[in-house]
PDB file of N, CA and C in Angstrom:
ATOM      1  N   MET A   1      -4.445  -7.728  12.549  1.00  0.00           N
ATOM      2  CA  MET A   1      -3.018  -7.763  12.927  1.00  0.00           C
ATOM      3  C   MET A   1      -2.787  -9.052  13.809  1.00  0.00           C
ATOM      4  N   LEU A   2      -1.636  -9.721  13.603  1.00  0.00           N
ATOM      5  CA  LEU A   2      -1.281 -10.840  14.218  1.00  0.00           C
ATOM      6  C   LEU A   2      -0.601 -10.515  15.506  1.00  0.00           C
ATOM      7  N   GLU A   3      -0.964 -11.261  16.543  1.00  0.00           N
ATOM      8  CA  GLU A   3      -0.386 -11.027  17.857  1.00  0.00           C
ATOM      9  C   GLU A   3       0.766 -11.950  18.161  1.00  0.00           C
ATOM     10  N   HIS A   4       1.886 -11.397  18.446  1.00  0.00           N
ATOM     11  CA  HIS A   4       3.063 -12.201  18.838  1.00  0.00           C
ATOM     12  C   HIS A   4       2.892 -12.559  20.230  1.00  0.00           C
ATOM     13  N   ARG A   5       2.774 -13.894  20.586  1.00  0.00           N
ATOM     14  CA  ARG A   5       2.538 -14.296  21.910  1.00  0.00           C
ATOM     15  C   ARG A   5       3.890 -14.496  22.572  1.00  0.00           C
ATOM     16  N   THR A   6       4.265 -13.605  23.499  1.00  0.00           N
ATOM     17  CA  THR A   6       5.487 -13.683  24.291  1.00  0.00           C
ATOM     18  C   THR A   6       5.153 -14.143  25.600  1.00  0.00           C
ATOM     19  N   PHE A   7       6.170 -14.444  26.545  1.00  0.00           N
ATOM     20  CA  PHE A   7       5.919 -14.846  27.878  1.00  0.00           C
ATOM     21  C   PHE A   7       5.070 -13.863  28.607  1.00  0.00           C
ATOM     22  N   ARG A   8       5.466 -12.578  28.404  1.00  0.00           N
ATOM     23  CA  ARG A   8       4.763 -11.524  29.194  1.00  0.00           C
ATOM     24  C   ARG A   8       3.319 -11.437  28.785  1.00  0.00           C
ATOM     25  N   SER A   9       3.060 -11.470  27.403  1.00  0.00           N
ATOM     26  CA  SER A   9       1.677 -11.347  26.910  1.00  0.00           C
ATOM     27  C   SER A   9       0.855 -12.557  27.442  1.00  0.00           C
ATOM     28  N   LEU A  10       1.349 -13.775  27.464  1.00  0.00           N
ATOM     29  CA  LEU A  10       0.647 -15.005  27.979  1.00  0.00           C
ATOM     30  C   LEU A  10       0.445 -14.778  29.500  1.00  0.00           C
ATOM     31  N   LEU A  11       1.326 -14.309  30.187  1.00  0.00           N
ATOM     32  CA  LEU A  11       1.287 -14.085  31.656  1.00  0.00           C
ATOM     33  C   LEU A  11       0.174 -13.065  31.971  1.00  0.00           C
ATOM     34  N   THR A  12       0.192 -11.845  31.317  1.00  0.00           N
ATOM     35  CA  THR A  12      -0.724 -10.832  31.661  1.00  0.00           C
ATOM     36  C   THR A  12      -2.174 -11.142  31.081  1.00  0.00           C
ATOM     37  N   GLY A  13      -2.159 -12.037  30.078  1.00  0.00           N
ATOM     38  CA  GLY A  13      -3.456 -12.312  29.526  1.00  0.00           C
ATOM     39  C   GLY A  13      -4.154 -13.651  30.144  1.00  0.00           C
ATOM     40  N   SER A  14      -3.509 -14.232  31.096  1.00  0.00           N
ATOM     41  CA  SER A  14      -4.002 -15.364  31.671  1.00  0.00           C
ATOM     42  C   SER A  14      -5.232 -15.133  32.539  1.00  0.00           C
ATOM     43  N   GLN A  15      -6.264 -15.942  32.288  1.00  0.00           N
ATOM     44  CA  GLN A  15      -7.475 -15.683  33.130  1.00  0.00           C
ATOM     45  C   GLN A  15      -7.314 -16.438  34.459  1.00  0.00           C
ATOM     46  N   GLU A  16      -6.315 -17.379  34.587  1.00  0.00           N
ATOM     47  CA  GLU A  16      -6.073 -18.091  35.804  1.00  0.00           C
ATOM     48  C   GLU A  16      -5.282 -17.278  36.829  1.00  0.00           C
ATOM     49  N   GLY A  17      -4.546 -16.219  36.371  1.00  0.00           N
ATOM     50  CA  GLY A  17      -3.739 -15.449  37.291  1.00  0.00           C
ATOM     51  C   GLY A  17      -2.549 -16.291  37.804  1.00  0.00           C
ATOM     52  N   ILE A  18      -1.889 -17.016  36.879  1.00  0.00           N
ATOM     53  CA  ILE A  18      -0.895 -18.050  37.369  1.00  0.00           C
ATOM     54  C   ILE A  18       0.381 -17.251  37.505  1.00  0.00           C
ATOM     55  N   SER A  19       1.276 -17.945  38.326  1.00  0.00           N
ATOM     56  CA  SER A  19       2.570 -17.213  38.577  1.00  0.00           C
ATOM     57  C   SER A  19       3.523 -17.411  37.447  1.00  0.00           C
ATOM     58  N   PRO A  20       4.520 -16.623  37.271  1.00  0.00           N
ATOM     59  CA  PRO A  20       5.578 -16.707  36.316  1.00  0.00           C
ATOM     60  C   PRO A  20       6.184 -18.051  36.195  1.00  0.00           C
ATOM     61  N   SER A  21       6.527 -18.731  37.339  1.00  0.00           N
ATOM     62  CA  SER A  21       7.176 -19.921  37.370  1.00  0.00           C
ATOM     63  C   SER A  21       6.185 -21.058  36.933  1.00  0.00           C
ATOM     64  N   THR A  22       4.919 -20.945  37.198  1.00  0.00           N
ATOM     65  CA  THR A  22       3.976 -21.892  36.654  1.00  0.00           C
ATOM     66  C   THR A  22       3.796 -21.865  35.217  1.00  0.00           C
ATOM     67  N   LEU A  23       3.685 -20.604  34.607  1.00  0.00           N
ATOM     68  CA  LEU A  23       3.631 -20.453  33.185  1.00  0.00           C
ATOM     69  C   LEU A  23       4.954 -21.030  32.605  1.00  0.00           C
ATOM     70  N   SER A  24       6.070 -20.598  33.129  1.00  0.00           N
ATOM     71  CA  SER A  24       7.318 -21.089  32.574  1.00  0.00           C
ATOM     72  C   SER A  24       7.377 -22.656  32.467  1.00  0.00           C
ATOM     73  N   ASN A  25       6.930 -23.299  33.619  1.00  0.00           N
ATOM     74  CA  ASN A  25       6.937 -24.812  33.490  1.00  0.00           C
ATOM     75  C   ASN A  25       5.943 -25.319  32.549  1.00  0.00           C
ATOM     76  N   ARG A  26       4.834 -24.764  32.422  1.00  0.00           N
ATOM     77  CA  ARG A  26       3.800 -25.187  31.469  1.00  0.00           C
ATOM     78  C   ARG A  26       4.267 -24.963  30.003  1.00  0.00           C
ATOM     79  N   LEU A  27       4.889 -23.889  29.754  1.00  0.00           N
ATOM     80  CA  LEU A  27       5.391 -23.607  28.366  1.00  0.00           C
ATOM     81  C   LEU A  27       6.592 -24.568  28.005  1.00  0.00           C
ATOM     82  N   ARG A  28       7.476 -24.834  28.968  1.00  0.00           N
ATOM     83  CA  ARG A  28       8.556 -25.762  28.787  1.00  0.00           C
ATOM     84  C   ARG A  28       7.955 -27.132  28.514  1.00  0.00           C
ATOM     85  N   SER A  29       6.995 -27.611  29.273  1.00  0.00           N
ATOM     86  CA  SER A  29       6.357 -28.851  29.023  1.00  0.00           C
ATOM     87  C   SER A  29       5.740 -28.992  27.666  1.00  0.00           C
ATOM     88  N   LEU A  30       5.040 -27.919  27.282  1.00  0.00           N
ATOM     89  CA  LEU A  30       4.315 -27.995  25.939  1.00  0.00           C
ATOM     90  C   LEU A  30       5.356 -28.083  24.821  1.00  0.00           C
ATOM     91  N   GLU A  31       6.479 -27.312  25.092  1.00  0.00           N
ATOM     92  CA  GLU A  31       7.561 -27.322  24.124  1.00  0.00           C
ATOM     93  C   GLU A  31       8.278 -28.640  24.027  1.00  0.00           C
ATOM     94  N   ASN A  32       8.487 -29.222  25.192  1.00  0.00           N
ATOM     95  CA  ASN A  32       9.137 -30.536  25.174  1.00  0.00           C
ATOM     96  C   ASN A  32       8.295 -31.606  24.443  1.00  0.00           C
ATOM     97  N   LEU A  33       6.925 -31.432  24.588  1.00  0.00           N
ATOM     98  CA  LEU A  33       5.950 -32.373  23.916  1.00  0.00           C
ATOM     99  C   LEU A  33       5.793 -32.060  22.438  1.00  0.00           C
ATOM    100  N   GLY A  34       6.364 -31.004  21.995  1.00  0.00           N
ATOM    101  CA  GLY A  34       6.275 -30.658  20.559  1.00  0.00           C
ATOM    102  C   GLY A  34       5.034 -29.997  20.173  1.00  0.00           C
ATOM    103  N   LEU A  35       4.283 -29.492  21.142  1.00  0.00           N
ATOM    104  CA  LEU A  35       2.994 -28.804  20.942  1.00  0.00           C
ATOM    105  C   LEU A  35       3.083 -27.334  20.590  1.00  0.00           C
ATOM    106  N   ILE A  36       4.157 -26.678  21.068  1.00  0.00           N
ATOM    107  CA  ILE A  36       4.464 -25.347  20.805  1.00  0.00           C
ATOM    108  C   ILE A  36       5.946 -25.172  20.430  1.00  0.00           C
ATOM    109  N   GLU A  37       6.260 -24.054  19.782  1.00  0.00           N
ATOM    110  CA  GLU A  37       7.661 -23.812  19.547  1.00  0.00           C
ATOM    111  C   GLU A  37       7.920 -22.363  20.083  1.00  0.00           C
ATOM    112  N   ARG A  38       9.089 -22.191  20.465  1.00  0.00           N
ATOM    113  CA  ARG A  38       9.623 -20.827  20.872  1.00  0.00           C
ATOM    114  C   ARG A  38      10.571 -20.371  19.875  1.00  0.00           C
ATOM    115  N   ALA A  39      10.364 -19.177  19.363  1.00  0.00           N
ATOM    116  CA  ALA A  39      11.317 -18.516  18.444  1.00  0.00           C
ATOM    117  C   ALA A  39      12.041 -17.429  19.244  1.00  0.00           C
ATOM    118  N   PRO A  40      13.287 -17.357  19.260  1.00  0.00           N
ATOM    119  CA  PRO A  40      13.985 -16.344  20.027  1.00  0.00           C
ATOM    120  C   PRO A  40      13.717 -15.009  19.461  1.00  0.00           C
ATOM    121  N   VAL A  41      13.798 -13.985  20.215  1.00  0.00           N
ATOM    122  CA  VAL A  41      13.614 -12.642  19.738  1.00  0.00           C
ATOM    123  C   VAL A  41      15.000 -11.909  19.843  1.00  0.00           C
ATOM    124  N   PRO A  42      15.279 -10.998  19.009  1.00  0.00           N
ATOM    125  CA  PRO A  42      16.606 -10.376  18.991  1.00  0.00           C
ATOM    126  C   PRO A  42      16.926  -9.454  20.236  1.00  0.00           C
ATOM    127  N   ILE A  43      15.931  -9.047  20.922  1.00  0.00           N
ATOM    128  CA  ILE A  43      16.179  -8.168  22.148  1.00  0.00           C
ATOM    129  C   ILE A  43      15.565  -8.832  23.346  1.00  0.00           C
ATOM    130  N   GLY A  44      16.262  -8.904  24.435  1.00  0.00           N
ATOM    131  CA  GLY A  44      15.756  -9.429  25.656  1.00  0.00           C
ATOM    132  C   GLY A  44      15.839 -10.886  25.651  1.00  0.00           C
ATOM    133  N   HIS A  45      15.271 -11.609  26.677  1.00  0.00           N
ATOM    134  CA  HIS A  45      15.279 -13.021  26.844  1.00  0.00           C
ATOM    135  C   HIS A  45      14.007 -13.710  26.461  1.00  0.00           C
ATOM    136  N   GLN A  46      12.979 -12.941  26.121  1.00  0.00           N
ATOM    137  CA  GLN A  46      11.733 -13.575  25.735  1.00  0.00           C
ATOM    138  C   GLN A  46      11.776 -14.295  24.404  1.00  0.00           C
ATOM    139  N   GLY A  47      10.834 -14.960  24.121  1.00  0.00           N
ATOM    140  CA  GLY A  47      10.686 -15.637  22.794  1.00  0.00           C
ATOM    141  C   GLY A  47       9.200 -15.439  22.419  1.00  0.00           C
ATOM    142  N   ARG A  48       8.942 -15.853  21.094  1.00  0.00           N
ATOM    143  CA  ARG A  48       7.548 -15.824  20.596  1.00  0.00           C
ATOM    144  C   ARG A  48       7.090 -17.233  20.471  1.00  0.00           C
ATOM    145  N   TYR A  49       5.955 -17.533  21.032  1.00  0.00           N
ATOM    146  CA  TYR A  49       5.422 -18.842  21.085  1.00  0.00           C
ATOM    147  C   TYR A  49       4.351 -19.085  19.950  1.00  0.00           C
ATOM    148  N   THR A  50       4.434 -20.155  19.227  1.00  0.00           N
ATOM    149  CA  THR A  50       3.338 -20.517  18.427  1.00  0.00           C
ATOM    150  C   THR A  50       3.094 -22.044  18.471  1.00  0.00           C
ATOM    151  N   LEU A  51       1.882 -22.352  18.093  1.00  0.00           N
ATOM    152  CA  LEU A  51       1.580 -23.783  18.051  1.00  0.00           C
ATOM    153  C   LEU A  51       2.245 -24.546  16.881  1.00  0.00           C
ATOM    154  N   THR A  52       2.673 -25.776  17.095  1.00  0.00           N
ATOM    155  CA  THR A  52       3.228 -26.484  16.083  1.00  0.00           C
ATOM    156  C   THR A  52       2.109 -27.222  15.359  1.00  0.00           C
ATOM    157  N   GLU A  53       2.298 -27.992  14.352  1.00  0.00           N
ATOM    158  CA  GLU A  53       1.365 -28.657  13.632  1.00  0.00           C
ATOM    159  C   GLU A  53       0.632 -29.703  14.546  1.00  0.00           C
ATOM    160  N   ASP A  54       1.441 -30.380  15.421  1.00  0.00           N
ATOM    161  CA  ASP A  54       0.857 -31.280  16.401  1.00  0.00           C
ATOM    162  C   ASP A  54      -0.053 -30.496  17.367  1.00  0.00           C
ATOM    163  N   GLY A  55       0.324 -29.376  17.839  1.00  0.00           N
ATOM    164  CA  GLY A  55      -0.474 -28.523  18.635  1.00  0.00           C
ATOM    165  C   GLY A  55      -1.809 -28.139  17.987  1.00  0.00           C
ATOM    166  N   VAL A  56      -1.751 -27.794  16.755  1.00  0.00           N
ATOM    167  CA  VAL A  56      -2.929 -27.449  15.990  1.00  0.00           C
ATOM    168  C   VAL A  56      -3.885 -28.678  15.868  1.00  0.00           C
ATOM    169  N   ALA A  57      -3.255 -29.840  15.647  1.00  0.00           N
ATOM    170  CA  ALA A  57      -3.986 -31.141  15.485  1.00  0.00           C
ATOM    171  C   ALA A  57      -4.848 -31.443  16.705  1.00  0.00           C
ATOM    172  N   LEU A  58      -4.506 -30.924  17.874  1.00  0.00           N
ATOM    173  CA  LEU A  58      -5.198 -31.152  19.104  1.00  0.00           C
ATOM    174  C   LEU A  58      -6.497 -30.337  19.307  1.00  0.00           C
ATOM    175  N   VAL A  59      -6.629 -29.324  18.499  1.00  0.00           N
ATOM    176  CA  VAL A  59      -7.798 -28.447  18.552  1.00  0.00           C
ATOM    177  C   VAL A  59      -9.137 -29.154  18.593  1.00  0.00           C
ATOM    178  N   PRO A  60      -9.427 -30.086  17.631  1.00  0.00           N
ATOM    179  CA  PRO A  60     -10.694 -30.703  17.834  1.00  0.00           C
ATOM    180  C   PRO A  60     -10.856 -31.553  19.035  1.00  0.00           C
ATOM    181  N   LEU A  61      -9.793 -32.085  19.576  1.00  0.00           N
ATOM    182  CA  LEU A  61      -9.817 -32.862  20.836  1.00  0.00           C
ATOM    183  C   LEU A  61     -10.250 -31.908  21.979  1.00  0.00           C
ATOM    184  N   LEU A  62      -9.633 -30.698  21.899  1.00  0.00           N
ATOM    185  CA  LEU A  62      -9.965 -29.633  23.043  1.00  0.00           C
ATOM    186  C   LEU A  62     -11.451 -29.275  22.954  1.00  0.00           C
ATOM    187  N   PHE A  63     -12.000 -29.174  21.796  1.00  0.00           N
ATOM    188  CA  PHE A  63     -13.450 -28.891  21.645  1.00  0.00           C
ATOM    189  C   PHE A  63     -14.295 -29.983  22.281  1.00  0.00           C
ATOM    190  N   GLU A  64     -13.874 -31.340  22.011  1.00  0.00           N
ATOM    191  CA  GLU A  64     -14.688 -32.369  22.715  1.00  0.00           C
ATOM    192  C   GLU A  64     -14.486 -32.427  24.203  1.00  0.00           C
ATOM    193  N   LEU A  65     -13.310 -32.035  24.706  1.00  0.00           N
ATOM    194  CA  LEU A  65     -13.102 -31.965  26.116  1.00  0.00           C
ATOM    195  C   LEU A  65     -14.003 -30.857  26.786  1.00  0.00           C
ATOM    196  N   ALA A  66     -14.020 -29.735  26.019  1.00  0.00           N
ATOM    197  CA  ALA A  66     -14.847 -28.592  26.564  1.00  0.00           C
ATOM    198  C   ALA A  66     -16.378 -29.005  26.478  1.00  0.00           C
ATOM    199  N   ARG A  67     -16.739 -29.696  25.392  1.00  0.00           N
ATOM    200  CA  ARG A  67     -18.138 -30.169  25.351  1.00  0.00           C
ATOM    201  C   ARG A  67     -18.510 -31.193  26.536  1.00  0.00           C
ATOM    202  N   ALA A  68     -17.496 -32.142  26.793  1.00  0.00           N
ATOM    203  CA  ALA A  68     -17.743 -33.023  27.827  1.00  0.00           C
ATOM    204  C   ALA A  68     -17.829 -32.372  29.182  1.00  0.00           C
ATOM    205  N   GLY A  69     -16.899 -31.291  29.393  1.00  0.00           N
ATOM    206  CA  GLY A  69     -17.024 -30.463  30.676  1.00  0.00           C
ATOM    207  C   GLY A  69     -18.272 -29.759  30.829  1.00  0.00           C
ATOM    208  N   SER A  70     -18.878 -29.208  29.705  1.00  0.00           N
ATOM    209  CA  SER A  70     -20.149 -28.570  29.891  1.00  0.00           C
ATOM    210  C   SER A  70     -21.248 -29.500  30.109  1.00  0.00           C
ATOM    211  N   PHE A  71     -21.137 -30.762  29.628  1.00  0.00           N
ATOM    212  CA  PHE A  71     -22.138 -31.786  29.860  1.00  0.00           C
ATOM    213  C   PHE A  71     -22.072 -32.216  31.308  1.00  0.00           C
ATOM    214  N   LEU A  72     -20.893 -32.437  31.794  1.00  0.00           N
ATOM    215  CA  LEU A  72     -20.722 -32.895  33.240  1.00  0.00           C
ATOM    216  C   LEU A  72     -21.021 -31.821  34.240  1.00  0.00           C
ATOM    217  N   ASP A  73     -20.764 -30.514  33.901  1.00  0.00           N
ATOM    218  CA  ASP A  73     -21.012 -29.352  34.732  1.00  0.00           C
ATOM    219  C   ASP A  73     -21.643 -28.310  33.930  1.00  0.00           C
ATOM    220  N   PRO A  74     -22.990 -28.261  33.803  1.00  0.00           N
ATOM    221  CA  PRO A  74     -23.695 -27.310  32.975  1.00  0.00           C
ATOM    222  C   PRO A  74     -23.391 -25.860  33.425  1.00  0.00           C
ATOM    223  N   SER A  75     -22.907 -25.648  34.626  1.00  0.00           N
ATOM    224  CA  SER A  75     -22.596 -24.244  35.032  1.00  0.00           C
ATOM    225  C   SER A  75     -21.297 -23.794  34.437  1.00  0.00           C
ATOM    226  N   THR A  76     -20.526 -24.682  33.892  1.00  0.00           N
ATOM    227  CA  THR A  76     -19.304 -24.202  33.255  1.00  0.00           C
ATOM    228  C   THR A  76     -19.603 -23.391  32.034  1.00  0.00           C
ATOM    229  N   GLU A  77     -18.841 -22.212  31.956  1.00  0.00           N
ATOM    230  CA  GLU A  77     -18.932 -21.378  30.862  1.00  0.00           C
ATOM    231  C   GLU A  77     -17.826 -21.579  29.866  1.00  0.00           C
ATOM    232  N   ALA A  78     -18.150 -21.392  28.572  1.00  0.00           N
ATOM    233  CA  ALA A  78     -17.171 -21.529  27.518  1.00  0.00           C
ATOM    234  C   ALA A  78     -16.173 -20.321  27.742  1.00  0.00           C
ATOM    235  N   THR A  79     -14.863 -20.392  27.465  1.00  0.00           N
ATOM    236  CA  THR A  79     -13.924 -19.417  27.731  1.00  0.00           C
ATOM    237  C   THR A  79     -13.925 -18.383  26.604  1.00  0.00           C
ATOM    238  N   ALA A  80     -14.335 -18.775  25.483  1.00  0.00           N
ATOM    239  CA  ALA A  80     -14.383 -17.881  24.322  1.00  0.00           C
ATOM    240  C   ALA A  80     -15.815 -17.838  23.693  1.00  0.00           C
ATOM    241  N   PRO A  81     -16.215 -16.634  23.276  1.00  0.00           N
ATOM    242  CA  PRO A  81     -17.483 -16.495  22.626  1.00  0.00           C
ATOM    243  C   PRO A  81     -17.646 -17.325  21.415  1.00  0.00           C
ATOM    244  N   GLY A  82     -18.737 -18.041  21.248  1.00  0.00           N
ATOM    245  CA  GLY A  82     -19.004 -18.764  20.022  1.00  0.00           C
ATOM    246  C   GLY A  82     -18.476 -20.288  20.102  1.00  0.00           C
ATOM    247  N   VAL A  83     -17.680 -20.637  21.118  1.00  0.00           N
ATOM    248  CA  VAL A  83     -17.115 -22.009  21.318  1.00  0.00           C
ATOM    249  C   VAL A  83     -18.250 -23.032  21.369  1.00  0.00           C
ATOM    250  N   GLU A  84     -19.256 -22.767  22.193  1.00  0.00           N
ATOM    251  CA  GLU A  84     -20.390 -23.677  22.403  1.00  0.00           C
ATOM    252  C   GLU A  84     -21.231 -23.922  21.072  1.00  0.00           C
ATOM    253  N   ASP A  85     -21.219 -22.830  20.288  1.00  0.00           N
ATOM    254  CA  ASP A  85     -21.917 -23.053  18.972  1.00  0.00           C
ATOM    255  C   ASP A  85     -21.174 -24.162  18.068  1.00  0.00           C
ATOM    256  N   LEU A  86     -19.983 -24.441  18.254  1.00  0.00           N
ATOM    257  CA  LEU A  86     -19.297 -25.389  17.487  1.00  0.00           C
ATOM    258  C   LEU A  86     -19.362 -26.839  18.048  1.00  0.00           C
ATOM    259  N   TYR A  87     -19.878 -27.032  19.216  1.00  0.00           N
ATOM    260  CA  TYR A  87     -19.987 -28.293  19.810  1.00  0.00           C
ATOM    261  C   TYR A  87     -20.726 -29.251  18.941  1.00  0.00           C
ATOM    262  N   GLY A  88     -20.072 -30.343  18.577  1.00  0.00           N
ATOM    263  CA  GLY A  88     -20.779 -31.352  17.709  1.00  0.00           C
ATOM    264  C   GLY A  88     -20.829 -30.987  16.193  1.00  0.00           C
ATOM    265  N   ASP A  89     -20.256 -29.791  15.840  1.00  0.00           N
ATOM    266  CA  ASP A  89     -20.205 -29.370  14.437  1.00  0.00           C
ATOM    267  C   ASP A  89     -18.827 -29.649  13.811  1.00  0.00           C
ATOM    268  N   SER A  90     -18.619 -30.898  13.275  1.00  0.00           N
ATOM    269  CA  SER A  90     -17.385 -31.267  12.823  1.00  0.00           C
ATOM    270  C   SER A  90     -16.783 -30.341  11.710  1.00  0.00           C
ATOM    271  N   GLU A  91     -17.680 -29.951  10.848  1.00  0.00           N
ATOM    272  CA  GLU A  91     -17.244 -29.126   9.751  1.00  0.00           C
ATOM    273  C   GLU A  91     -16.802 -27.727  10.249  1.00  0.00           C
ATOM    274  N   GLY A  92     -17.588 -27.176  11.302  1.00  0.00           N
ATOM    275  CA  GLY A  92     -17.251 -25.896  11.890  1.00  0.00           C
ATOM    276  C   GLY A  92     -15.882 -26.047  12.631  1.00  0.00           C
ATOM    277  N   ILE A  93     -15.731 -27.118  13.368  1.00  0.00           N
ATOM    278  CA  ILE A  93     -14.541 -27.309  14.123  1.00  0.00           C
ATOM    279  C   ILE A  93     -13.284 -27.395  13.130  1.00  0.00           C
ATOM    280  N   ALA A  94     -13.557 -28.167  12.035  1.00  0.00           N
ATOM    281  CA  ALA A  94     -12.485 -28.299  11.001  1.00  0.00           C
ATOM    282  C   ALA A  94     -12.140 -26.858  10.485  1.00  0.00           C
ATOM    283  N   ALA A  95     -13.102 -26.092  10.145  1.00  0.00           N
ATOM    284  CA  ALA A  95     -12.847 -24.789   9.613  1.00  0.00           C
ATOM    285  C   ALA A  95     -12.147 -23.895  10.688  1.00  0.00           C
ATOM    286  N   PHE A  96     -12.560 -23.978  11.859  1.00  0.00           N
ATOM    287  CA  PHE A  96     -11.885 -23.288  12.936  1.00  0.00           C
ATOM    288  C   PHE A  96     -10.426 -23.672  13.172  1.00  0.00           C
ATOM    289  N   THR A  97     -10.212 -25.051  13.068  1.00  0.00           N
ATOM    290  CA  THR A  97      -8.868 -25.548  13.047  1.00  0.00           C
ATOM    291  C   THR A  97      -7.975 -25.099  12.001  1.00  0.00           C
ATOM    292  N   GLU A  98      -8.585 -25.031  10.734  1.00  0.00           N
ATOM    293  CA  GLU A  98      -7.740 -24.496   9.636  1.00  0.00           C
ATOM    294  C   GLU A  98      -7.399 -23.019   9.898  1.00  0.00           C
ATOM    295  N   SER A  99      -8.282 -22.208  10.418  1.00  0.00           N
ATOM    296  CA  SER A  99      -8.053 -20.786  10.649  1.00  0.00           C
ATOM    297  C   SER A  99      -6.929 -20.678  11.662  1.00  0.00           C
ATOM    298  N   ILE A 100      -6.824 -21.543  12.687  1.00  0.00           N
ATOM    299  CA  ILE A 100      -5.762 -21.561  13.624  1.00  0.00           C
ATOM    300  C   ILE A 100      -4.460 -21.939  12.952  1.00  0.00           C
ATOM    301  N   ARG A 101      -4.508 -22.918  12.078  1.00  0.00           N
ATOM    302  CA  ARG A 101      -3.401 -23.398  11.287  1.00  0.00           C
ATOM    303  C   ARG A 101      -2.748 -22.284  10.472  1.00  0.00           C
ATOM    304  N   ALA A 102      -3.710 -21.576   9.725  1.00  0.00           N
ATOM    305  CA  ALA A 102      -3.172 -20.429   8.870  1.00  0.00           C
ATOM    306  C   ALA A 102      -2.600 -19.294   9.737  1.00  0.00           C
ATOM    307  N   ARG A 103      -3.214 -19.018  10.903  1.00  0.00           N
ATOM    308  CA  ARG A 103      -2.762 -17.939  11.826  1.00  0.00           C
ATOM    309  C   ARG A 103      -1.391 -18.209  12.336  1.00  0.00           C
ATOM    310  N   GLU A 104      -1.156 -19.476  12.802  1.00  0.00           N
ATOM    311  CA  GLU A 104       0.057 -19.933  13.328  1.00  0.00           C
ATOM    312  C   GLU A 104       1.158 -19.869  12.246  1.00  0.00           C
ATOM    313  N   GLU A 105       0.800 -20.321  11.082  1.00  0.00           N
ATOM    314  CA  GLU A 105       1.799 -20.241  10.032  1.00  0.00           C
ATOM    315  C   GLU A 105       2.146 -18.849   9.665  1.00  0.00           C
ATOM    316  N   ALA A 106       1.221 -17.881   9.662  1.00  0.00           N
ATOM    317  CA  ALA A 106       1.551 -16.483   9.439  1.00  0.00           C
ATOM    318  C   ALA A 106       2.352 -15.918  10.529  1.00  0.00           C
ATOM    319  N   LEU A 107       2.136 -16.294  11.713  1.00  0.00           N
ATOM    320  CA  LEU A 107       2.931 -15.820  12.889  1.00  0.00           C
ATOM    321  C   LEU A 107       4.305 -16.297  12.676  1.00  0.00           C
ATOM    322  N   ARG A 108       4.575 -17.600  12.331  1.00  0.00           N
ATOM    323  CA  ARG A 108       5.852 -18.101  12.225  1.00  0.00           C
ATOM    324  C   ARG A 108       6.668 -17.416  11.121  1.00  0.00           C
ATOM    325  N   ASN A 109       5.939 -16.924  10.081  1.00  0.00           N
ATOM    326  CA  ASN A 109       6.525 -16.237   8.961  1.00  0.00           C
ATOM    327  C   ASN A 109       6.687 -14.706   9.033  1.00  0.00           C
ATOM    328  N   THR A 110       6.202 -14.176  10.237  1.00  0.00           N
ATOM    329  CA  THR A 110       6.267 -12.747  10.426  1.00  0.00           C
ATOM    330  C   THR A 110       7.605 -12.453  11.179  1.00  0.00           C
ATOM    331  N   PRO A 111       8.351 -11.493  10.656  1.00  0.00           N
ATOM    332  CA  PRO A 111       9.620 -11.220  11.201  1.00  0.00           C
ATOM    333  C   PRO A 111       9.484 -10.782  12.767  1.00  0.00           C
ATOM    334  N   ILE A 112      10.461 -11.090  13.539  1.00  0.00           N
ATOM    335  CA  ILE A 112      10.576 -10.690  14.863  1.00  0.00           C
ATOM    336  C   ILE A 112      11.634  -9.628  15.062  1.00  0.00           C
ATOM    337  N   GLY A 113      11.205  -8.530  15.656  1.00  0.00           N
ATOM    338  CA  GLY A 113      12.255  -7.496  15.926  1.00  0.00           C
ATOM    339  C   GLY A 113      11.650  -6.388  16.683  1.00  0.00           C
ATOM    340  N   PRO A 114      12.365  -5.382  16.924  1.00  0.00           N
ATOM    341  CA  PRO A 114      11.876  -4.189  17.752  1.00  0.00           C
ATOM    342  C   PRO A 114      10.609  -3.702  17.201  1.00  0.00           C
ATOM    343  N   GLY A 115       9.611  -3.534  18.045  1.00  0.00           N
ATOM    344  CA  GLY A 115       8.314  -2.913  17.615  1.00  0.00           C
ATOM    345  C   GLY A 115       7.330  -3.916  17.035  1.00  0.00           C
ATOM    346  N   THR A 116       7.759  -5.299  16.973  1.00  0.00           N
ATOM    347  CA  THR A 116       6.836  -6.260  16.434  1.00  0.00           C
ATOM    348  C   THR A 116       6.165  -7.030  17.526  1.00  0.00           C
ATOM    349  N   ASP A 117       6.428  -6.806  18.743  1.00  0.00           N
ATOM    350  CA  ASP A 117       5.760  -7.575  19.971  1.00  0.00           C
ATOM    351  C   ASP A 117       4.493  -6.900  20.204  1.00  0.00           C
TER     352      ASP A 117
END
């Protein structure tokens, strides 16, 4: 099942424990940069956030930054299981990126309405 990422789900799922105002500022910045888009929902003031094509295109760069971070500080742990297994694996990263692209496309094409959050 596809998860609709709303402000609330991003806030409660944050490992950083960031404040609502910090999350709001970050989301606004990412949206202004064209890396995410916010689709309004019919009820309430929240929206559903998805990565844009430009946002998906940054996934390989994020893997390289994570790999550099683990090299510079070996005590750094990957935030998701299996991430370290893809370090240096360009085909694996490309496949992972394509899976994200497909997921984001499916999310954008999933209706938004009561009971879909």
